[in-house]
N, C-alpha and C. Protein backbone atom coordinates (compact mmCIF):
# COMPACT_ATOMS: atom_id res chain seq x y z
N LEU A 1 0.78 -1.09 0.09
CA LEU A 1 -0.07 -0.02 -0.06
C LEU A 1 0.83 1.18 -0.07
N GLY A 2 0.64 2.33 -0.81
CA GLY A 2 1.50 3.31 -1.24
C GLY A 2 0.63 4.69 0.08
N ASP A 3 -0.07 4.87 0.10
CA ASP A 3 -0.84 5.88 1.17
C ASP A 3 -1.57 4.75 2.23
N THR A 4 -1.46 6.04 3.22
CA THR A 4 -2.10 5.49 4.30
C THR A 4 -3.56 5.42 4.30
N PRO A 5 -4.16 3.99 4.18
CA PRO A 5 -5.74 3.85 4.26
C PRO A 5 -6.55 4.34 5.03
N SER A 6 -7.55 5.08 4.37
CA SER A 6 -8.71 5.89 5.13
C SER A 6 -9.64 5.16 5.05
N LEU A 7 -10.67 5.71 5.84
CA LEU A 7 -12.09 5.10 6.29
C LEU A 7 -13.09 6.02 5.93
N MET A 8 -13.84 5.81 5.05
CA MET A 8 -15.08 6.98 4.55
C MET A 8 -16.38 6.08 5.02
N ARG A 9 -17.31 7.14 5.42
CA ARG A 9 -18.78 6.19 5.89
C ARG A 9 -19.34 7.02 4.48
N PHE A 10 -20.34 6.18 4.17
CA PHE A 10 -21.40 6.57 3.45
C PHE A 10 -23.06 5.91 3.40
N ASN A 11 -23.91 6.66 2.99
CA ASN A 11 -24.98 6.32 3.35
C ASN A 11 -25.93 5.42 2.05
N PRO A 12 -26.61 4.71 2.37
CA PRO A 12 -27.55 3.92 0.93
C PRO A 12 -27.68 4.74 -0.04
N GLY A 13 -27.59 4.34 -1.29
CA GLY A 13 -27.74 5.32 -2.53
C GLY A 13 -26.69 6.09 -2.74
N HIS A 14 -25.74 6.65 -2.04
CA HIS A 14 -24.87 7.64 -2.08
C HIS A 14 -24.46 7.63 -3.38
N PRO A 15 -24.34 8.48 -4.29
CA PRO A 15 -24.11 8.43 -5.68
C PRO A 15 -22.53 8.82 -6.04
N GLY A 16 -22.38 8.48 -6.93
CA GLY A 16 -20.82 8.68 -7.42
C GLY A 16 -19.75 7.56 -7.36
N GLU A 17 -18.41 8.04 -7.31
CA GLU A 17 -17.53 6.49 -7.68
C GLU A 17 -17.29 5.54 -6.78
N ALA A 18 -17.62 6.08 -5.10
CA ALA A 18 -17.17 5.38 -4.44
C ALA A 18 -18.38 4.13 -4.10
N GLU A 19 -19.77 4.22 -4.49
CA GLU A 19 -20.48 3.38 -4.77
C GLU A 19 -20.59 2.38 -6.00
N ALA A 20 -19.95 2.89 -6.98
CA ALA A 20 -19.79 2.22 -8.24
C ALA A 20 -18.87 1.34 -8.12
N GLN A 21 -17.33 1.94 -7.38
CA GLN A 21 -16.51 0.91 -7.14
C GLN A 21 -16.79 -0.15 -6.13
N VAL A 22 -17.86 0.09 -5.22
CA VAL A 22 -18.16 -1.16 -4.37
C VAL A 22 -18.91 -1.66 -4.92
N ARG A 23 -19.69 -1.57 -5.91
CA ARG A 23 -20.63 -2.72 -6.76
C ARG A 23 -19.43 -3.39 -7.63
N ARG A 24 -18.59 -2.87 -8.18
CA ARG A 24 -17.62 -3.46 -9.30
C ARG A 24 -16.45 -4.08 -8.57
N VAL A 25 -15.95 -3.88 -7.37
CA VAL A 25 -14.82 -4.50 -6.95
C VAL A 25 -15.64 -5.81 -6.15
N LEU A 26 -16.45 -5.19 -5.24
CA LEU A 26 -16.82 -6.32 -4.26
C LEU A 26 -18.04 -7.29 -4.35
N GLY A 27 -18.66 -6.86 -5.89
CA GLY A 27 -19.92 -7.34 -6.17
C GLY A 27 -21.49 -7.17 -5.43
N ALA A 28 -20.96 -6.16 -4.76
CA ALA A 28 -22.12 -5.32 -3.65
C ALA A 28 -22.46 -4.37 -3.86
N ARG A 29 -23.79 -3.99 -3.49
CA ARG A 29 -24.10 -2.58 -3.23
C ARG A 29 -24.55 -2.23 -1.89
N ILE A 30 -24.27 -1.18 -1.43
CA ILE A 30 -24.29 -0.53 -0.21
C ILE A 30 -26.06 -0.48 0.09
N ARG A 31 -26.31 -1.43 0.83
CA ARG A 31 -28.18 -1.56 1.08
C ARG A 31 -28.73 -0.66 2.10
N ARG A 32 -28.51 -0.91 3.08
CA ARG A 32 -28.90 0.36 3.98
C ARG A 32 -27.92 0.41 5.18
N GLY A 33 -28.49 1.33 6.35
CA GLY A 33 -27.53 1.73 7.12
C GLY A 33 -26.21 2.59 6.74
N ALA A 34 -25.35 2.39 7.26
CA ALA A 34 -24.02 3.07 6.95
C ALA A 34 -22.80 1.90 6.22
N ALA A 35 -22.57 2.38 5.34
CA ALA A 35 -21.27 1.36 4.86
C ALA A 35 -20.08 2.40 5.06
N PHE A 36 -19.11 1.30 5.79
CA PHE A 36 -17.60 1.93 5.73
C PHE A 36 -16.83 1.36 4.80
N VAL A 37 -16.18 2.23 4.19
CA VAL A 37 -15.35 1.77 2.65
C VAL A 37 -13.97 1.97 3.14
N LEU A 38 -12.96 1.51 3.03
CA LEU A 38 -11.51 1.43 3.39
C LEU A 38 -10.91 1.47 2.03
N ARG A 39 -10.16 2.61 1.78
CA ARG A 39 -9.51 2.87 0.33
C ARG A 39 -7.82 3.16 0.66
N SER A 40 -7.51 3.26 -0.20
CA SER A 40 -6.13 3.89 -0.46
C SER A 40 -5.39 4.33 -1.37
N GLY A 41 -5.30 5.46 -1.73
CA GLY A 41 -4.67 5.80 -3.34
C GLY A 41 -5.83 5.80 -4.40
N GLY A 42 -7.19 5.71 -3.62
CA GLY A 42 -8.28 5.79 -4.57
C GLY A 42 -8.70 4.21 -4.91
N GLN A 43 -7.99 3.41 -4.22
CA GLN A 43 -8.13 1.70 -4.51
C GLN A 43 -9.08 1.33 -3.44
N LEU A 44 -9.97 0.34 -3.80
CA LEU A 44 -10.88 0.18 -2.83
C LEU A 44 -10.18 -1.33 -2.00
N LEU A 45 -10.22 -1.14 -0.50
CA LEU A 45 -9.49 -2.15 0.01
C LEU A 45 -10.59 -3.42 0.28
N GLY A 46 -11.93 -2.76 1.22
CA GLY A 46 -12.54 -3.33 1.87
C GLY A 46 -14.20 -2.61 2.14
N MET A 47 -15.07 -3.22 2.81
CA MET A 47 -16.05 -2.60 3.19
C MET A 47 -16.78 -3.28 4.30
N GLY A 48 -17.49 -2.61 5.18
CA GLY A 48 -18.54 -3.41 5.94
C GLY A 48 -19.83 -2.45 6.10
N GLU A 49 -20.59 -2.78 6.58
CA GLU A 49 -21.90 -2.15 7.04
C GLU A 49 -22.49 -2.49 8.31
N ALA A 50 -22.92 -1.52 8.99
CA ALA A 50 -23.80 -1.22 10.13
C ALA A 50 -24.91 -0.85 9.72
N ILE A 51 -25.95 -1.90 10.57
CA ILE A 51 -27.36 -1.42 10.21
C ILE A 51 -28.33 -1.13 11.54
N PHE A 52 -28.87 0.03 11.54
CA PHE A 52 -29.55 0.27 12.96
C PHE A 52 -30.66 -0.98 13.10
N ALA A 53 -30.70 -1.41 13.96
CA ALA A 53 -32.00 -2.46 14.59
C ALA A 53 -32.28 -2.07 16.05
N GLY A 54 -32.88 -1.14 16.14
CA GLY A 54 -33.64 -0.85 17.71
C GLY A 54 -32.10 0.01 18.37
N CYS A 55 -31.59 -0.49 19.48
CA CYS A 55 -30.78 -0.41 20.10
C CYS A 55 -29.37 -0.51 19.77
N PHE A 56 -29.57 -1.37 18.81
CA PHE A 56 -28.04 -2.06 18.30
C PHE A 56 -27.74 -1.82 16.67
N ARG A 57 -26.55 -2.49 16.45
CA ARG A 57 -26.28 -1.60 15.09
C ARG A 57 -25.57 -3.27 14.97
N ASP A 58 -26.28 -3.76 13.69
CA ASP A 58 -25.94 -5.07 13.21
C ASP A 58 -24.88 -4.78 12.48
N VAL A 59 -23.54 -5.52 12.39
CA VAL A 59 -22.47 -5.40 11.45
C VAL A 59 -22.39 -6.57 10.31
N GLU A 60 -22.71 -6.31 8.89
CA GLU A 60 -22.74 -7.15 8.32
C GLU A 60 -21.71 -6.97 6.97
N ARG A 61 -21.64 -8.10 6.38
CA ARG A 61 -20.97 -7.87 5.05
C ARG A 61 -19.49 -7.25 5.22
N VAL A 62 -18.75 -7.93 6.15
CA VAL A 62 -17.54 -6.99 6.23
C VAL A 62 -16.68 -7.86 5.35
N LYS A 63 -15.60 -7.16 4.77
CA LYS A 63 -15.08 -8.03 3.59
C LYS A 63 -13.58 -7.19 3.14
N ILE A 64 -12.56 -7.86 3.35
CA ILE A 64 -11.32 -7.00 2.86
C ILE A 64 -10.75 -8.08 1.64
N LEU A 65 -10.61 -6.97 0.41
CA LEU A 65 -10.06 -7.94 -0.77
C LEU A 65 -8.95 -8.96 -0.37
N GLU A 66 -9.29 -9.80 -1.17
CA GLU A 66 -8.18 -10.91 -1.15
C GLU A 66 -6.56 -10.25 -0.80
N ALA A 67 -6.22 -9.93 -1.96
CA ALA A 67 -5.05 -9.24 -2.07
C ALA A 67 -4.56 -8.36 -0.74
N TYR A 68 -5.30 -7.93 -0.15
CA TYR A 68 -4.92 -7.07 0.71
C TYR A 68 -5.28 -7.61 2.55
N ARG A 69 -5.78 -8.60 2.28
CA ARG A 69 -5.90 -9.51 3.79
C ARG A 69 -4.37 -9.83 4.49
N GLY A 70 -4.33 -9.96 5.79
CA GLY A 70 -3.27 -10.18 6.65
C GLY A 70 -2.51 -8.85 7.00
N ARG A 71 -2.83 -7.64 6.43
CA ARG A 71 -2.16 -6.62 6.88
C ARG A 71 -2.77 -5.60 8.01
N GLY A 72 -3.87 -6.08 8.79
CA GLY A 72 -4.65 -5.47 9.89
C GLY A 72 -5.64 -4.33 9.08
N LEU A 73 -6.12 -4.61 7.88
CA LEU A 73 -6.94 -3.88 7.63
C LEU A 73 -8.29 -4.30 8.01
N GLY A 74 -8.88 -5.26 8.02
CA GLY A 74 -10.10 -5.60 9.08
C GLY A 74 -10.10 -5.36 10.30
N ARG A 75 -9.33 -5.16 11.13
CA ARG A 75 -8.90 -4.54 12.70
C ARG A 75 -9.43 -2.88 12.15
N LEU A 76 -8.50 -2.49 11.56
CA LEU A 76 -8.85 -1.16 11.24
C LEU A 76 -10.34 -0.59 10.69
N LEU A 77 -10.86 -1.36 9.73
CA LEU A 77 -11.99 -1.47 9.35
C LEU A 77 -13.08 -1.25 10.61
N MET A 78 -13.00 -2.34 11.48
CA MET A 78 -13.65 -2.92 12.48
C MET A 78 -13.76 -1.64 13.78
N MET A 79 -12.66 -1.35 13.81
CA MET A 79 -12.50 0.19 14.63
C MET A 79 -13.04 1.10 14.36
N GLY A 80 -13.28 1.52 12.95
CA GLY A 80 -14.03 2.59 12.65
C GLY A 80 -15.63 2.33 12.80
N ILE A 81 -16.12 1.08 12.82
CA ILE A 81 -17.27 0.88 13.17
C ILE A 81 -17.58 0.97 14.44
N ILE A 82 -16.81 0.19 15.37
CA ILE A 82 -16.54 0.53 16.68
C ILE A 82 -16.67 1.61 17.16
N HIS A 83 -15.95 2.62 16.60
CA HIS A 83 -15.92 3.73 17.20
C HIS A 83 -17.15 4.62 16.57
N GLU A 84 -17.79 4.51 15.40
CA GLU A 84 -19.13 5.04 14.93
C GLU A 84 -20.33 4.49 16.19
N ALA A 85 -20.22 3.49 16.47
CA ALA A 85 -21.51 2.82 17.25
C ALA A 85 -21.28 3.73 18.55
N GLY A 86 -19.99 3.56 19.25
CA GLY A 86 -19.97 4.21 20.39
C GLY A 86 -20.41 5.44 20.48
N ARG A 87 -19.80 6.61 19.33
CA ARG A 87 -20.11 7.81 19.20
C ARG A 87 -21.64 8.02 19.23
N THR A 88 -22.46 7.02 18.90
CA THR A 88 -24.07 7.20 18.55
C THR A 88 -24.60 6.39 19.64
N GLY A 89 -23.85 6.00 20.18
CA GLY A 89 -24.63 5.07 21.74
C GLY A 89 -25.36 3.99 21.29
N HIS A 90 -24.78 3.12 20.34
CA HIS A 90 -25.14 1.81 19.89
C HIS A 90 -24.26 0.75 20.34
N ASP A 91 -24.60 -0.55 20.72
CA ASP A 91 -23.95 -1.70 20.93
C ASP A 91 -24.05 -2.20 19.66
N LEU A 92 -23.01 -3.10 19.18
CA LEU A 92 -22.88 -3.87 18.33
C LEU A 92 -23.17 -5.03 18.15
N CYS A 93 -23.86 -5.96 17.03
CA CYS A 93 -24.03 -7.48 17.16
C CYS A 93 -23.37 -7.95 15.51
N LEU A 94 -22.94 -9.14 15.68
CA LEU A 94 -22.44 -9.49 14.41
C LEU A 94 -22.70 -10.87 14.38
N CYS A 95 -23.12 -11.49 13.41
CA CYS A 95 -22.58 -13.20 13.05
C CYS A 95 -21.46 -13.41 12.11
N VAL A 96 -21.06 -14.66 12.54
CA VAL A 96 -19.87 -14.96 11.89
C VAL A 96 -20.05 -16.53 11.51
N GLU A 97 -19.67 -17.33 10.61
CA GLU A 97 -19.59 -18.67 10.34
C GLU A 97 -18.56 -19.40 11.36
N GLN A 98 -19.12 -20.61 11.96
CA GLN A 98 -18.58 -21.02 13.05
C GLN A 98 -16.87 -21.40 12.37
N GLY A 99 -17.02 -21.59 10.89
CA GLY A 99 -15.56 -22.24 10.22
C GLY A 99 -14.91 -21.02 10.12
N ASN A 100 -15.18 -19.61 10.46
CA ASN A 100 -14.44 -18.32 10.08
C ASN A 100 -13.38 -18.25 10.93
N LEU A 101 -12.36 -18.98 10.90
CA LEU A 101 -11.34 -18.86 12.09
C LEU A 101 -10.59 -17.51 12.41
N ILE A 102 -10.42 -17.04 11.50
CA ILE A 102 -9.76 -15.95 11.21
C ILE A 102 -10.48 -14.66 11.64
N ALA A 103 -12.05 -14.63 11.00
CA ALA A 103 -12.78 -13.21 11.59
C ALA A 103 -13.19 -13.53 13.21
N ARG A 104 -13.26 -14.43 13.59
CA ARG A 104 -13.96 -15.24 14.82
C ARG A 104 -12.74 -14.76 15.67
N ARG A 105 -11.40 -14.86 15.68
CA ARG A 105 -10.31 -14.63 15.96
C ARG A 105 -10.16 -12.77 16.19
N LEU A 106 -10.10 -12.22 15.16
CA LEU A 106 -10.40 -10.73 15.22
C LEU A 106 -11.60 -9.98 15.79
N TYR A 107 -12.69 -10.52 16.15
CA TYR A 107 -13.75 -10.17 16.69
C TYR A 107 -13.64 -10.55 18.37
N ALA A 108 -13.00 -11.55 18.43
CA ALA A 108 -12.84 -11.89 19.85
C ALA A 108 -11.87 -10.91 20.57
N SER A 109 -10.81 -10.65 19.62
CA SER A 109 -9.69 -9.73 20.06
C SER A 109 -10.02 -8.41 20.19
N LEU A 110 -11.30 -7.76 19.55
CA LEU A 110 -12.03 -6.72 19.75
C LEU A 110 -12.72 -6.28 20.84
N GLY A 111 -12.99 -7.47 21.51
CA GLY A 111 -14.19 -7.40 23.02
C GLY A 111 -15.31 -8.21 22.26
N PHE A 112 -15.64 -8.79 21.17
CA PHE A 112 -17.07 -9.37 20.88
C PHE A 112 -16.98 -10.53 21.32
N ALA A 113 -18.14 -10.97 22.04
CA ALA A 113 -18.16 -12.50 22.75
C ALA A 113 -19.40 -13.03 21.81
N SER A 114 -19.58 -14.50 22.30
CA SER A 114 -20.52 -15.33 21.84
C SER A 114 -21.33 -15.82 22.88
N PRO A 115 -22.73 -14.97 22.80
CA PRO A 115 -23.37 -15.70 23.70
C PRO A 115 -24.22 -16.74 23.28
N TRP A 116 -24.00 -17.02 22.14
CA TRP A 116 -25.09 -18.48 21.95
C TRP A 116 -24.23 -18.66 20.28
N GLN A 117 -24.89 -19.98 20.27
CA GLN A 117 -24.39 -20.31 18.82
C GLN A 117 -25.39 -20.70 17.93
N ARG A 118 -25.78 -20.32 16.87
CA ARG A 118 -26.70 -20.84 16.02
C ARG A 118 -26.48 -21.84 14.95
N GLY A 119 -27.42 -22.81 15.28
CA GLY A 119 -27.29 -24.11 14.30
C GLY A 119 -27.59 -24.09 13.10
N ASP A 120 -27.31 -24.40 12.01
CA ASP A 120 -27.58 -24.36 10.57
C ASP A 120 -28.69 -25.63 10.36
N TRP A 121 -29.87 -25.46 9.86
CA TRP A 121 -30.82 -26.48 9.59
C TRP A 121 -30.95 -26.46 7.99
N THR A 122 -30.68 -27.64 7.65
CA THR A 122 -30.86 -28.46 6.53
C THR A 122 -32.24 -29.34 5.90
N ARG A 123 -32.30 -29.02 4.70
CA ARG A 123 -33.59 -30.04 4.21
C ARG A 123 -33.26 -31.09 3.08
């Protein structure tokens, strides 16, 4: 990375280059709530969404592009989301797949705890 990564907040339907880049690079669009986009030198590195749900903010779709993983960018992204939640007086809630050990370790190191485990049902 040439430049220091910067974290920007966008609202859904935010017009412009950032929304288009999120759609093109991550194959996703900013759905609802606030999107946090991590960029460096105009290059999209990752994103996450924080969605209001009563007194909680659900954290969804946290993703760092594969080429930039292992550099602490997921932590930087989550710290921005945590800061915003604290600033607005919201607790955070998230779900993570049982087998996603890297994400589970990151979230645990940031103070998240797992009060229960959800079982998957198939038919």
